[in-house]
Amino acid sequence: MAAKKPFALRLDEKMMKAVEKWAEDEFRSTNGQLEWIIREALKKAGRLPKSNPSDDPET
């Protein structure tokens, strides 16, 4: 698995509550949900770097 880099993120309170609710609905942690949202946005934009299949937690 690829190393994870800690990163502080400041969000509007309403946005954070929405992410927390979405994460709960998907049975993910808030951090896991944010990672998933970012990964999907990168895929959609064609900017996700190629990685080893074992690095992708979705497979």
PDB file of N, CA and C in Angstrom:
ATOM      1  N   MET A   1       0.846  -1.179   0.000  1.00  0.00           N
ATOM      2  CA  MET A   1       0.000   0.000   0.000  1.00  0.00           C
ATOM      3  C   MET A   1       0.889   1.238   0.000  1.00  0.00           C
ATOM      4  N   ALA A   2       0.485   2.250  -0.716  1.00  0.00           N
ATOM      5  CA  ALA A   2       1.237   3.498  -0.786  1.00  0.00           C
ATOM      6  C   ALA A   2       1.201   4.206   0.563  1.00  0.00           C
ATOM      7  N   ALA A   3       2.295   4.919   0.862  1.00  0.00           N
ATOM      8  CA  ALA A   3       2.350   5.688   2.103  1.00  0.00           C
ATOM      9  C   ALA A   3       1.315   6.809   2.050  1.00  0.00           C
ATOM     10  N   LYS A   4       0.761   7.134   3.193  1.00  0.00           N
ATOM     11  CA  LYS A   4      -0.233   8.206   3.259  1.00  0.00           C
ATOM     12  C   LYS A   4       0.396   9.416   3.924  1.00  0.00           C
ATOM     13  N   LYS A   5       0.193  10.576   3.326  1.00  0.00           N
ATOM     14  CA  LYS A   5       0.754  11.819   3.832  1.00  0.00           C
ATOM     15  C   LYS A   5      -0.315  12.570   4.617  1.00  0.00           C
ATOM     16  N   PRO A   6      -0.046  12.892   5.892  1.00  0.00           N
ATOM     17  CA  PRO A   6      -1.019  13.659   6.666  1.00  0.00           C
ATOM     18  C   PRO A   6      -1.196  15.056   6.073  1.00  0.00           C
ATOM     19  N   PHE A   7      -2.430  15.557   6.124  1.00  0.00           N
ATOM     20  CA  PHE A   7      -2.735  16.857   5.548  1.00  0.00           C
ATOM     21  C   PHE A   7      -3.899  17.474   6.313  1.00  0.00           C
ATOM     22  N   ALA A   8      -3.703  18.684   6.816  1.00  0.00           N
ATOM     23  CA  ALA A   8      -4.783  19.387   7.525  1.00  0.00           C
ATOM     24  C   ALA A   8      -5.683  20.074   6.498  1.00  0.00           C
ATOM     25  N   LEU A   9      -6.979  19.967   6.700  1.00  0.00           N
ATOM     26  CA  LEU A   9      -7.944  20.541   5.766  1.00  0.00           C
ATOM     27  C   LEU A   9      -9.000  21.307   6.548  1.00  0.00           C
ATOM     28  N   ARG A  10      -9.232  22.543   6.156  1.00  0.00           N
ATOM     29  CA  ARG A  10     -10.279  23.342   6.794  1.00  0.00           C
ATOM     30  C   ARG A  10     -11.471  23.409   5.849  1.00  0.00           C
ATOM     31  N   LEU A  11     -12.638  23.025   6.374  1.00  0.00           N
ATOM     32  CA  LEU A  11     -13.867  23.049   5.580  1.00  0.00           C
ATOM     33  C   LEU A  11     -14.931  23.860   6.305  1.00  0.00           C
ATOM     34  N   ASP A  12     -15.826  24.427   5.543  1.00  0.00           N
ATOM     35  CA  ASP A  12     -17.015  25.063   6.080  1.00  0.00           C
ATOM     36  C   ASP A  12     -17.772  24.021   6.904  1.00  0.00           C
ATOM     37  N   GLU A  13     -18.333  24.424   8.028  1.00  0.00           N
ATOM     38  CA  GLU A  13     -19.010  23.483   8.921  1.00  0.00           C
ATOM     39  C   GLU A  13     -20.131  22.711   8.228  1.00  0.00           C
ATOM     40  N   LYS A  14     -20.921  23.382   7.399  1.00  0.00           N
ATOM     41  CA  LYS A  14     -22.023  22.704   6.700  1.00  0.00           C
ATOM     42  C   LYS A  14     -21.488  21.669   5.711  1.00  0.00           C
ATOM     43  N   MET A  15     -20.398  22.012   5.035  1.00  0.00           N
ATOM     44  CA  MET A  15     -19.799  21.075   4.085  1.00  0.00           C
ATOM     45  C   MET A  15     -19.265  19.846   4.832  1.00  0.00           C
ATOM     46  N   MET A  16     -18.621  20.075   5.971  1.00  0.00           N
ATOM     47  CA  MET A  16     -18.078  18.963   6.749  1.00  0.00           C
ATOM     48  C   MET A  16     -19.197  18.055   7.253  1.00  0.00           C
ATOM     49  N   LYS A  17     -20.285  18.642   7.709  1.00  0.00           N
ATOM     50  CA  LYS A  17     -21.434  17.838   8.167  1.00  0.00           C
ATOM     51  C   LYS A  17     -21.979  16.987   7.024  1.00  0.00           C
ATOM     52  N   ALA A  18     -22.037  17.559   5.818  1.00  0.00           N
ATOM     53  CA  ALA A  18     -22.524  16.815   4.654  1.00  0.00           C
ATOM     54  C   ALA A  18     -21.598  15.648   4.334  1.00  0.00           C
ATOM     55  N   VAL A  19     -20.287  15.868   4.419  1.00  0.00           N
ATOM     56  CA  VAL A  19     -19.319  14.792   4.157  1.00  0.00           C
ATOM     57  C   VAL A  19     -19.448  13.710   5.224  1.00  0.00           C
ATOM     58  N   GLU A  20     -19.587  14.109   6.478  1.00  0.00           N
ATOM     59  CA  GLU A  20     -19.738  13.135   7.565  1.00  0.00           C
ATOM     60  C   GLU A  20     -20.994  12.286   7.375  1.00  0.00           C
ATOM     61  N   LYS A  21     -22.084  12.907   6.972  1.00  0.00           N
ATOM     62  CA  LYS A  21     -23.337  12.161   6.738  1.00  0.00           C
ATOM     63  C   LYS A  21     -23.180  11.204   5.569  1.00  0.00           C
ATOM     64  N   TRP A  22     -22.558  11.672   4.490  1.00  0.00           N
ATOM     65  CA  TRP A  22     -22.320  10.827   3.316  1.00  0.00           C
ATOM     66  C   TRP A  22     -21.449   9.637   3.711  1.00  0.00           C
ATOM     67  N   ALA A  23     -20.398   9.895   4.476  1.00  0.00           N
ATOM     68  CA  ALA A  23     -19.512   8.818   4.925  1.00  0.00           C
ATOM     69  C   ALA A  23     -20.287   7.791   5.747  1.00  0.00           C
ATOM     70  N   GLU A  24     -21.117   8.273   6.644  1.00  0.00           N
ATOM     71  CA  GLU A  24     -21.932   7.376   7.466  1.00  0.00           C
ATOM     72  C   GLU A  24     -22.851   6.521   6.592  1.00  0.00           C
ATOM     73  N   ASP A  25     -23.471   7.138   5.599  1.00  0.00           N
ATOM     74  CA  ASP A  25     -24.368   6.418   4.690  1.00  0.00           C
ATOM     75  C   ASP A  25     -23.639   5.342   3.890  1.00  0.00           C
ATOM     76  N   GLU A  26     -22.358   5.569   3.607  1.00  0.00           N
ATOM     77  CA  GLU A  26     -21.549   4.633   2.808  1.00  0.00           C
ATOM     78  C   GLU A  26     -20.723   3.688   3.682  1.00  0.00           C
ATOM     79  N   PHE A  27     -20.905   3.756   5.011  1.00  0.00           N
ATOM     80  CA  PHE A  27     -20.157   2.932   5.957  1.00  0.00           C
ATOM     81  C   PHE A  27     -18.649   3.142   5.828  1.00  0.00           C
ATOM     82  N   ARG A  28     -18.252   4.403   5.660  1.00  0.00           N
ATOM     83  CA  ARG A  28     -16.836   4.772   5.586  1.00  0.00           C
ATOM     84  C   ARG A  28     -16.533   5.761   6.710  1.00  0.00           C
ATOM     85  N   SER A  29     -15.244   5.888   7.031  1.00  0.00           N
ATOM     86  CA  SER A  29     -14.825   6.965   7.923  1.00  0.00           C
ATOM     87  C   SER A  29     -14.894   8.272   7.138  1.00  0.00           C
ATOM     88  N   THR A  30     -14.896   9.374   7.840  1.00  0.00           N
ATOM     89  CA  THR A  30     -14.893  10.674   7.163  1.00  0.00           C
ATOM     90  C   THR A  30     -13.637  10.802   6.314  1.00  0.00           C
ATOM     91  N   ASN A  31     -12.494  10.400   6.860  1.00  0.00           N
ATOM     92  CA  ASN A  31     -11.248  10.456   6.101  1.00  0.00           C
ATOM     93  C   ASN A  31     -11.332   9.573   4.855  1.00  0.00           C
ATOM     94  N   GLY A  32     -11.854   8.372   5.010  1.00  0.00           N
ATOM     95  CA  GLY A  32     -12.007   7.470   3.869  1.00  0.00           C
ATOM     96  C   GLY A  32     -12.927   8.051   2.809  1.00  0.00           C
ATOM     97  N   GLN A  33     -13.982   8.729   3.245  1.00  0.00           N
ATOM     98  CA  GLN A  33     -14.912   9.347   2.297  1.00  0.00           C
ATOM     99  C   GLN A  33     -14.229  10.471   1.530  1.00  0.00           C
ATOM    100  N   LEU A  34     -13.466  11.304   2.226  1.00  0.00           N
ATOM    101  CA  LEU A  34     -12.747  12.385   1.555  1.00  0.00           C
ATOM    102  C   LEU A  34     -11.741  11.827   0.552  1.00  0.00           C
ATOM    103  N   GLU A  35     -11.033  10.757   0.926  1.00  0.00           N
ATOM    104  CA  GLU A  35     -10.105  10.113  -0.015  1.00  0.00           C
ATOM    105  C   GLU A  35     -10.853   9.614  -1.245  1.00  0.00           C
ATOM    106  N   TRP A  36     -12.000   8.989  -1.040  1.00  0.00           N
ATOM    107  CA  TRP A  36     -12.790   8.457  -2.153  1.00  0.00           C
ATOM    108  C   TRP A  36     -13.260   9.590  -3.067  1.00  0.00           C
ATOM    109  N   ILE A  37     -13.760  10.686  -2.478  1.00  0.00           N
ATOM    110  CA  ILE A  37     -14.226  11.835  -3.270  1.00  0.00           C
ATOM    111  C   ILE A  37     -13.083  12.392  -4.114  1.00  0.00           C
ATOM    112  N   ILE A  38     -11.922  12.563  -3.497  1.00  0.00           N
ATOM    113  CA  ILE A  38     -10.768  13.110  -4.224  1.00  0.00           C
ATOM    114  C   ILE A  38     -10.317  12.153  -5.318  1.00  0.00           C
ATOM    115  N   ARG A  39     -10.254  10.840  -5.006  1.00  0.00           N
ATOM    116  CA  ARG A  39      -9.834   9.844  -6.004  1.00  0.00           C
ATOM    117  C   ARG A  39     -10.779   9.846  -7.204  1.00  0.00           C
ATOM    118  N   GLU A  40     -12.086   9.881  -6.948  1.00  0.00           N
ATOM    119  CA  GLU A  40     -13.066   9.890  -8.037  1.00  0.00           C
ATOM    120  C   GLU A  40     -12.954  11.159  -8.882  1.00  0.00           C
ATOM    121  N   ALA A  41     -12.735  12.300  -8.240  1.00  0.00           N
ATOM    122  CA  ALA A  41     -12.570  13.556  -8.983  1.00  0.00           C
ATOM    123  C   ALA A  41     -11.313  13.503  -9.851  1.00  0.00           C
ATOM    124  N   LEU A  42     -10.228  12.943  -9.319  1.00  0.00           N
ATOM    125  CA  LEU A  42      -8.992  12.811 -10.097  1.00  0.00           C
ATOM    126  C   LEU A  42      -9.187  11.866 -11.282  1.00  0.00           C
ATOM    127  N   LYS A  43      -9.894  10.757 -11.070  1.00  0.00           N
ATOM    128  CA  LYS A  43     -10.184   9.830 -12.173  1.00  0.00           C
ATOM    129  C   LYS A  43     -10.983  10.530 -13.263  1.00  0.00           C
ATOM    130  N   LYS A  44     -12.038  11.227 -12.857  1.00  0.00           N
ATOM    131  CA  LYS A  44     -12.916  11.910 -13.811  1.00  0.00           C
ATOM    132  C   LYS A  44     -12.156  12.955 -14.624  1.00  0.00           C
ATOM    133  N   ALA A  45     -11.198  13.623 -13.990  1.00  0.00           N
ATOM    134  CA  ALA A  45     -10.417  14.662 -14.665  1.00  0.00           C
ATOM    135  C   ALA A  45      -9.236  14.090 -15.444  1.00  0.00           C
ATOM    136  N   GLY A  46      -9.035  12.763 -15.358  1.00  0.00           N
ATOM    137  CA  GLY A  46      -7.911  12.142 -16.044  1.00  0.00           C
ATOM    138  C   GLY A  46      -6.570  12.506 -15.422  1.00  0.00           C
ATOM    139  N   ARG A  47      -6.570  12.790 -14.137  1.00  0.00           N
ATOM    140  CA  ARG A  47      -5.353  13.219 -13.456  1.00  0.00           C
ATOM    141  C   ARG A  47      -4.871  12.237 -12.398  1.00  0.00           C
ATOM    142  N   LEU A  48      -5.504  11.093 -12.287  1.00  0.00           N
ATOM    143  CA  LEU A  48      -5.086  10.111 -11.296  1.00  0.00           C
ATOM    144  C   LEU A  48      -3.840   9.402 -11.795  1.00  0.00           C
ATOM    145  N   PRO A  49      -2.732   9.491 -11.045  1.00  0.00           N
ATOM    146  CA  PRO A  49      -1.508   8.807 -11.485  1.00  0.00           C
ATOM    147  C   PRO A  49      -1.724   7.301 -11.539  1.00  0.00           C
ATOM    148  N   LYS A  50      -1.067   6.658 -12.488  1.00  0.00           N
ATOM    149  CA  LYS A  50      -1.129   5.203 -12.590  1.00  0.00           C
ATOM    150  C   LYS A  50      -0.418   4.614 -11.380  1.00  0.00           C
ATOM    151  N   SER A  51      -0.991   3.553 -10.813  1.00  0.00           N
ATOM    152  CA  SER A  51      -0.391   2.913  -9.646  1.00  0.00           C
ATOM    153  C   SER A  51      -0.511   1.409  -9.779  1.00  0.00           C
ATOM    154  N   ASN A  52       0.108   0.718  -8.842  1.00  0.00           N
ATOM    155  CA  ASN A  52      -0.009  -0.737  -8.791  1.00  0.00           C
ATOM    156  C   ASN A  52      -1.424  -1.092  -8.361  1.00  0.00           C
ATOM    157  N   PRO A  53      -1.995  -2.169  -8.897  1.00  0.00           N
ATOM    158  CA  PRO A  53      -3.354  -2.564  -8.490  1.00  0.00           C
ATOM    159  C   PRO A  53      -3.475  -2.771  -6.985  1.00  0.00           C
ATOM    160  N   SER A  54      -2.395  -3.189  -6.321  1.00  0.00           N
ATOM    161  CA  SER A  54      -2.446  -3.415  -4.879  1.00  0.00           C
ATOM    162  C   SER A  54      -2.535  -2.114  -4.094  1.00  0.00           C
ATOM    163  N   ASP A  55      -2.254  -0.961  -4.736  1.00  0.00           N
ATOM    164  CA  ASP A  55      -2.342   0.337  -4.070  1.00  0.00           C
ATOM    165  C   ASP A  55      -3.765   0.864  -4.013  1.00  0.00           C
ATOM    166  N   ASP A  56      -4.662   0.320  -4.822  1.00  0.00           N
ATOM    167  CA  ASP A  56      -6.027   0.826  -4.910  1.00  0.00           C
ATOM    168  C   ASP A  56      -6.924   0.089  -3.925  1.00  0.00           C
ATOM    169  N   PRO A  57      -7.416   0.781  -2.868  1.00  0.00           N
ATOM    170  CA  PRO A  57      -8.261   0.103  -1.885  1.00  0.00           C
ATOM    171  C   PRO A  57      -9.630  -0.287  -2.425  1.00  0.00           C
ATOM    172  N   GLU A  58     -10.009   0.201  -3.595  1.00  0.00           N
ATOM    173  CA  GLU A  58     -11.316  -0.110  -4.176  1.00  0.00           C
ATOM    174  C   GLU A  58     -11.331  -1.465  -4.873  1.00  0.00           C
ATOM    175  N   THR A  59     -10.159  -2.068  -5.090  1.00  0.00           N
ATOM    176  CA  THR A  59     -10.120  -3.359  -5.787  1.00  0.00           C
ATOM    177  C   THR A  59      -9.859  -4.478  -4.835  1.00  0.00           C
TER     178      THR A  59
END
